[in-house]
Amino acid sequence: MHDLLSSSRTKLLTVWLAALLLSGGLAWAGQRWPEPLSIDLGWVVVLVLGPPALLGLWLLLGWTSGTGEPGPTGDGGESLHSGKEQQG
């Protein structure tokens, strides 16, 4: 359990550090190149609608490619309760 918590903390800190570095890089770029960017409708559509479309496609492919075999956890979607607990 301790390994799971340290792994979760490591992942969280990695994501926070990446976000901080990205934010710092964008702030630096704004100081370096202060003129506003030109708006291109094609790029706006790709950047706004692209990630949700890719995520939806990924989820759709993950749901439709299921083989019915148990996943990495080995539960296969069954209930966590044993037969005795369900009867009584």
Protein backbone atom coordinates (compact mmCIF):
# COMPACT_ATOMS: atom_id res chain seq x y z
CA MET A 1 0.00 0.00 0.00
CA HIS A 2 2.88 2.32 0.81
CA ASP A 3 4.34 1.79 -2.67
CA LEU A 4 1.01 2.76 -4.19
CA LEU A 5 0.91 6.01 -2.22
CA SER A 6 4.49 6.93 -3.10
CA SER A 7 3.80 6.10 -6.74
CA SER A 8 0.69 8.30 -6.70
CA ARG A 9 2.62 11.13 -5.07
CA THR A 10 5.39 10.81 -7.63
CA LYS A 11 2.90 10.97 -10.49
CA LEU A 12 1.14 13.95 -8.93
CA LEU A 13 4.39 15.82 -8.39
CA THR A 14 5.47 15.05 -11.96
CA VAL A 15 2.25 16.44 -13.39
CA TRP A 16 2.43 19.54 -11.17
CA LEU A 17 6.07 20.14 -12.14
CA ALA A 18 5.22 19.77 -15.83
CA ALA A 19 2.34 22.25 -15.46
CA LEU A 20 4.59 24.70 -13.60
CA LEU A 21 7.29 24.45 -16.27
CA LEU A 22 4.74 24.92 -19.04
CA SER A 23 3.27 27.94 -17.28
CA GLY A 24 6.72 29.44 -16.77
CA GLY A 25 7.62 28.81 -20.38
CA LEU A 26 4.45 30.50 -21.61
CA ALA A 27 5.05 33.49 -19.35
CA TRP A 28 8.63 33.77 -20.64
CA ALA A 29 7.43 33.51 -24.25
CA GLY A 30 4.89 36.27 -23.58
CA GLN A 31 7.67 38.56 -22.37
CA ARG A 32 9.98 37.59 -25.23
CA TRP A 33 7.39 37.99 -28.00
CA PRO A 34 4.79 40.50 -26.74
CA GLU A 35 2.91 40.98 -30.04
CA PRO A 36 -0.38 39.05 -30.16
CA LEU A 37 -0.67 35.88 -32.20
CA SER A 38 -2.73 35.94 -35.36
CA ILE A 39 -5.89 33.88 -35.07
CA ASP A 40 -6.19 31.07 -37.61
CA LEU A 41 -9.59 29.36 -37.57
CA GLY A 42 -8.15 26.02 -38.67
CA TRP A 43 -5.70 25.89 -35.75
CA VAL A 44 -8.39 26.99 -33.31
CA VAL A 45 -10.70 24.17 -34.42
CA VAL A 46 -7.89 21.59 -34.27
CA LEU A 47 -6.70 22.70 -30.82
CA VAL A 48 -10.19 23.01 -29.30
CA LEU A 49 -11.93 20.01 -30.85
CA GLY A 50 -8.96 17.71 -31.51
CA PRO A 51 -8.18 16.49 -27.97
CA PRO A 52 -11.81 15.70 -27.08
CA ALA A 53 -12.25 13.90 -30.41
CA LEU A 54 -9.10 11.83 -29.83
CA LEU A 55 -10.20 10.99 -26.29
CA GLY A 56 -13.64 9.95 -27.51
CA LEU A 57 -12.10 7.79 -30.23
CA TRP A 58 -9.74 6.19 -27.72
CA LEU A 59 -12.62 5.41 -25.37
CA LEU A 60 -14.79 4.09 -28.18
CA LEU A 61 -12.05 1.80 -29.46
CA GLY A 62 -11.35 0.59 -25.92
CA TRP A 63 -14.99 -0.31 -25.32
CA THR A 64 -15.58 -2.00 -28.66
CA SER A 65 -12.38 -4.04 -28.68
CA GLY A 66 -13.21 -5.85 -25.44
CA THR A 67 -12.73 -9.61 -25.68
CA GLY A 68 -14.69 -10.51 -22.58
CA GLU A 69 -11.51 -11.74 -20.88
CA PRO A 70 -10.63 -10.49 -17.40
CA GLY A 71 -8.53 -7.34 -17.36
CA PRO A 72 -5.22 -6.77 -15.59
CA THR A 73 -6.94 -6.90 -12.20
CA GLY A 74 -8.38 -10.33 -12.99
CA ASP A 75 -11.87 -9.51 -11.75
CA GLY A 76 -13.63 -9.92 -15.08
CA GLY A 77 -16.36 -7.57 -13.91
CA GLU A 78 -17.80 -9.89 -11.31
CA SER A 79 -19.17 -8.70 -8.01
CA LEU A 80 -16.69 -8.25 -5.19
CA HIS A 81 -18.95 -10.15 -2.79
CA SER A 82 -18.77 -13.90 -2.40
CA GLY A 83 -21.80 -16.12 -2.85
CA LYS A 84 -22.32 -16.50 0.91
CA GLU A 85 -22.46 -12.72 1.45
CA GLN A 86 -24.96 -12.29 -1.37
CA GLN A 87 -27.29 -15.00 -0.02
CA GLY A 88 -27.28 -13.90 3.57
